[in-house]
Protein backbone atom coordinates (compact mmCIF):
# COMPACT_ATOMS: atom_id res chain seq x y z
CA MET A 1 -69.55 221.57 -232.91
CA ALA A 2 -67.72 220.47 -230.05
CA MET A 3 -69.85 219.03 -227.37
CA SER A 4 -69.29 219.96 -223.89
CA LEU A 5 -68.23 217.42 -221.41
CA LYS A 6 -71.53 217.79 -219.62
CA GLU A 7 -73.51 217.13 -222.78
CA LEU A 8 -71.34 214.14 -223.57
CA GLY A 9 -71.90 212.75 -220.06
CA GLU A 10 -75.64 213.21 -220.39
CA MET A 11 -75.62 211.47 -223.75
CA ILE A 12 -73.68 208.55 -222.26
CA GLN A 13 -76.17 208.35 -219.37
CA ARG A 14 -79.14 208.32 -221.79
CA SER A 15 -77.43 205.63 -223.86
CA GLU A 16 -76.73 203.64 -220.73
CA ALA A 17 -80.38 204.01 -219.63
CA ASN A 18 -81.54 202.88 -223.10
CA VAL A 19 -79.17 199.89 -222.96
CA ARG A 20 -80.45 198.97 -219.47
CA ALA A 21 -84.07 199.24 -220.63
CA ASP A 22 -83.28 197.12 -223.68
CA MET A 23 -81.53 194.59 -221.41
CA GLN A 24 -84.60 194.46 -219.16
CA ASP A 25 -86.80 193.89 -222.23
CA LEU A 26 -84.44 191.17 -223.43
CA LYS A 27 -84.42 189.52 -220.00
CA GLY A 28 -88.24 189.54 -219.96
CA GLU A 29 -88.35 188.09 -223.48
CA LEU A 30 -85.80 185.45 -222.49
CA ARG A 31 -87.96 184.46 -219.47
CA ARG A 32 -91.03 184.16 -221.75
CA MET A 33 -89.06 182.11 -224.27
CA THR A 34 -87.71 179.85 -221.50
CA ALA A 35 -91.25 179.28 -220.21
CA THR A 36 -92.44 178.51 -223.75
CA VAL A 37 -89.56 176.06 -224.29
CA GLU A 38 -90.42 174.33 -221.00
CA LYS A 39 -94.07 174.01 -222.08
CA VAL A 40 -93.06 172.65 -225.48
CA THR A 41 -90.68 170.19 -223.79
CA LYS A 42 -93.48 168.93 -221.53
CA ILE A 43 -95.80 168.58 -224.54
CA ALA A 44 -93.11 166.70 -226.46
CA GLU A 45 -92.47 164.37 -223.50
CA HIS A 46 -96.20 163.66 -223.24
CA ALA A 47 -96.40 163.08 -226.99
CA LYS A 48 -93.51 160.61 -226.75
CA GLU A 49 -95.28 158.73 -223.94
CA VAL A 50 -98.47 158.57 -226.01
CA ALA A 51 -96.53 157.43 -229.09
CA ASP A 52 -94.76 154.70 -227.08
CA ALA A 53 -98.10 153.54 -225.68
CA ASN A 54 -99.53 153.47 -229.22
CA VAL A 55 -96.58 151.42 -230.45
CA ASN A 56 -97.15 148.93 -227.64
CA LYS A 57 -100.88 148.76 -228.41
CA THR A 58 -100.18 148.33 -232.13
CA GLU A 59 -97.73 145.50 -231.45
CA SER A 60 -100.25 143.84 -229.12
CA LEU A 61 -103.06 144.14 -231.68
CA THR A 62 -100.83 142.84 -234.47
CA LYS A 63 -99.95 139.83 -232.34
CA ARG A 64 -103.62 139.20 -231.53
CA ILE A 65 -104.60 139.40 -235.21
CA SER A 66 -101.84 136.96 -236.10
CA GLU A 67 -103.00 134.56 -233.38
CA MET A 68 -106.59 134.85 -234.56
CA ASN A 69 -105.56 134.12 -238.17
CA ASP A 70 -103.57 131.09 -237.02
CA ARG A 71 -106.49 129.88 -234.93
CA GLN A 72 -108.84 130.29 -237.88
CA ARG A 73 -106.52 128.28 -240.16
CA ARG A 74 -106.67 125.35 -237.74
CA ARG A 75 -110.15 124.56 -239.06
CA ASN A 76 -108.90 124.25 -242.65
CA LEU A 77 -108.03 121.20 -244.72
CA LYS A 78 -106.08 121.56 -247.96
CA PHE A 79 -106.74 119.22 -250.88
CA SER A 80 -104.44 118.93 -253.90
CA GLY A 81 -105.02 117.61 -257.39
CA ILE A 82 -108.66 118.61 -257.80
CA SER A 83 -109.43 119.52 -261.39
CA GLU A 84 -109.85 123.16 -262.32
CA ASP A 85 -112.82 122.13 -264.48
CA ILE A 86 -115.01 122.23 -261.38
CA GLY A 87 -116.32 125.78 -261.06
CA ASN A 88 -116.24 127.66 -257.77
CA LYS A 89 -120.02 127.38 -257.37
CA ASP A 90 -119.93 123.58 -257.75
CA LEU A 91 -116.74 123.05 -255.76
CA GLU A 92 -118.42 122.79 -252.36
CA LYS A 93 -121.04 120.36 -253.67
CA GLU A 94 -118.38 118.22 -255.40
CA MET A 95 -116.23 118.13 -252.28
CA LEU A 96 -119.21 117.06 -250.13
CA GLU A 97 -120.04 114.29 -252.62
CA TRP A 98 -116.42 113.11 -252.67
CA LEU A 99 -116.27 113.05 -248.87
CA LYS A 100 -119.51 111.04 -248.85
CA GLU A 101 -117.90 108.53 -251.26
CA GLN A 102 -115.05 108.22 -248.77
CA GLY A 103 -117.58 107.33 -246.04
CA ILE A 104 -117.58 110.74 -244.38
CA GLU A 105 -121.04 112.18 -243.92
CA ILE A 106 -121.15 115.89 -243.11
CA GLU A 107 -123.82 118.51 -243.57
CA GLN A 108 -123.34 121.56 -245.76
CA ASN A 109 -123.92 123.85 -242.76
CA GLU A 110 -120.82 122.35 -241.09
CA ILE A 111 -118.64 123.89 -243.80
CA GLU A 112 -117.73 127.54 -243.51
CA ARG A 113 -116.33 127.87 -247.04
CA VAL A 114 -114.61 126.03 -249.87
CA HIS A 115 -112.27 127.89 -252.21
CA ARG A 116 -109.17 127.58 -254.31
CA VAL A 117 -105.94 129.22 -253.27
CA PHE A 118 -104.41 132.15 -255.10
CA THR A 119 -104.82 132.66 -258.83
CA PRO A 120 -104.50 130.03 -261.57
CA ARG A 121 -100.96 128.79 -262.13
CA GLY A 122 -99.85 130.21 -265.45
CA GLY A 123 -99.13 127.43 -267.92
CA SER A 124 -98.05 124.82 -265.35
CA GLY A 125 -101.15 122.70 -265.92
CA LEU A 126 -101.32 121.90 -262.22
CA PRO A 127 -104.64 122.60 -260.54
CA ARG A 128 -104.72 124.97 -257.60
CA ASP A 129 -105.17 123.53 -254.13
CA VAL A 130 -108.62 123.62 -252.55
CA ILE A 131 -109.17 124.82 -249.00
CA MET A 132 -112.15 123.59 -246.98
CA ALA A 133 -112.82 125.58 -243.84
CA PHE A 134 -115.00 123.80 -241.30
CA LYS A 135 -117.08 125.38 -238.56
CA ARG A 136 -115.37 123.32 -235.87
CA GLU A 137 -111.76 122.28 -235.46
CA LYS A 138 -112.82 118.95 -233.96
CA LEU A 139 -114.78 118.08 -237.12
CA ARG A 140 -111.75 118.91 -239.23
CA ASP A 141 -109.63 116.62 -237.06
CA GLN A 142 -112.11 113.74 -237.45
CA ILE A 143 -112.23 114.14 -241.25
CA TYR A 144 -108.44 114.38 -241.46
CA LYS A 145 -108.02 111.22 -239.37
CA SER A 146 -110.55 109.33 -241.53
CA LEU A 147 -108.90 110.41 -244.78
CA ARG A 148 -105.39 109.52 -243.56
CA GLN A 149 -106.54 105.94 -242.96
CA LYS A 150 -107.48 105.56 -246.65
CA ALA A 151 -104.90 104.03 -248.97
CA ASP A 152 -104.46 105.49 -252.45
CA LEU A 153 -106.80 108.41 -251.88
CA GLN A 154 -107.75 110.10 -255.18
CA PHE A 155 -110.36 112.68 -256.13
CA LYS A 156 -112.73 111.50 -258.84
CA GLN A 157 -111.88 112.90 -262.26
């Protein structure tokens, strides 16, 4: 059972050759893995650049939407104390008639919309405010100026 020294030397040489071959395989695999990691790193860096650009675009668009909403609200007038008994369909007509009684003549096509804000106030008994949105900001300014000059301004009940 004893191995000769020659056989033992040959076995060590074969083992060493196997270890060297395995090391070469491992080095090749390590090179491939390093290349893959470098590719993934480049992809991740590009993805971060795209994400940062998207964040900047999103912030810019959010700001523009906010500015547009603010600009749109500039054409609005808010009226308080108008009875809830007036239905939504009649609200625009009633508001036009009331403005006419105040000496302000405007055409229906100069109004973009008339609506009440939010939902009815539960049990408070107070009517919801009415918003009139005009087609032009200048018209809204003229109406506002005319109404501010009136003393004891009340909506007909």
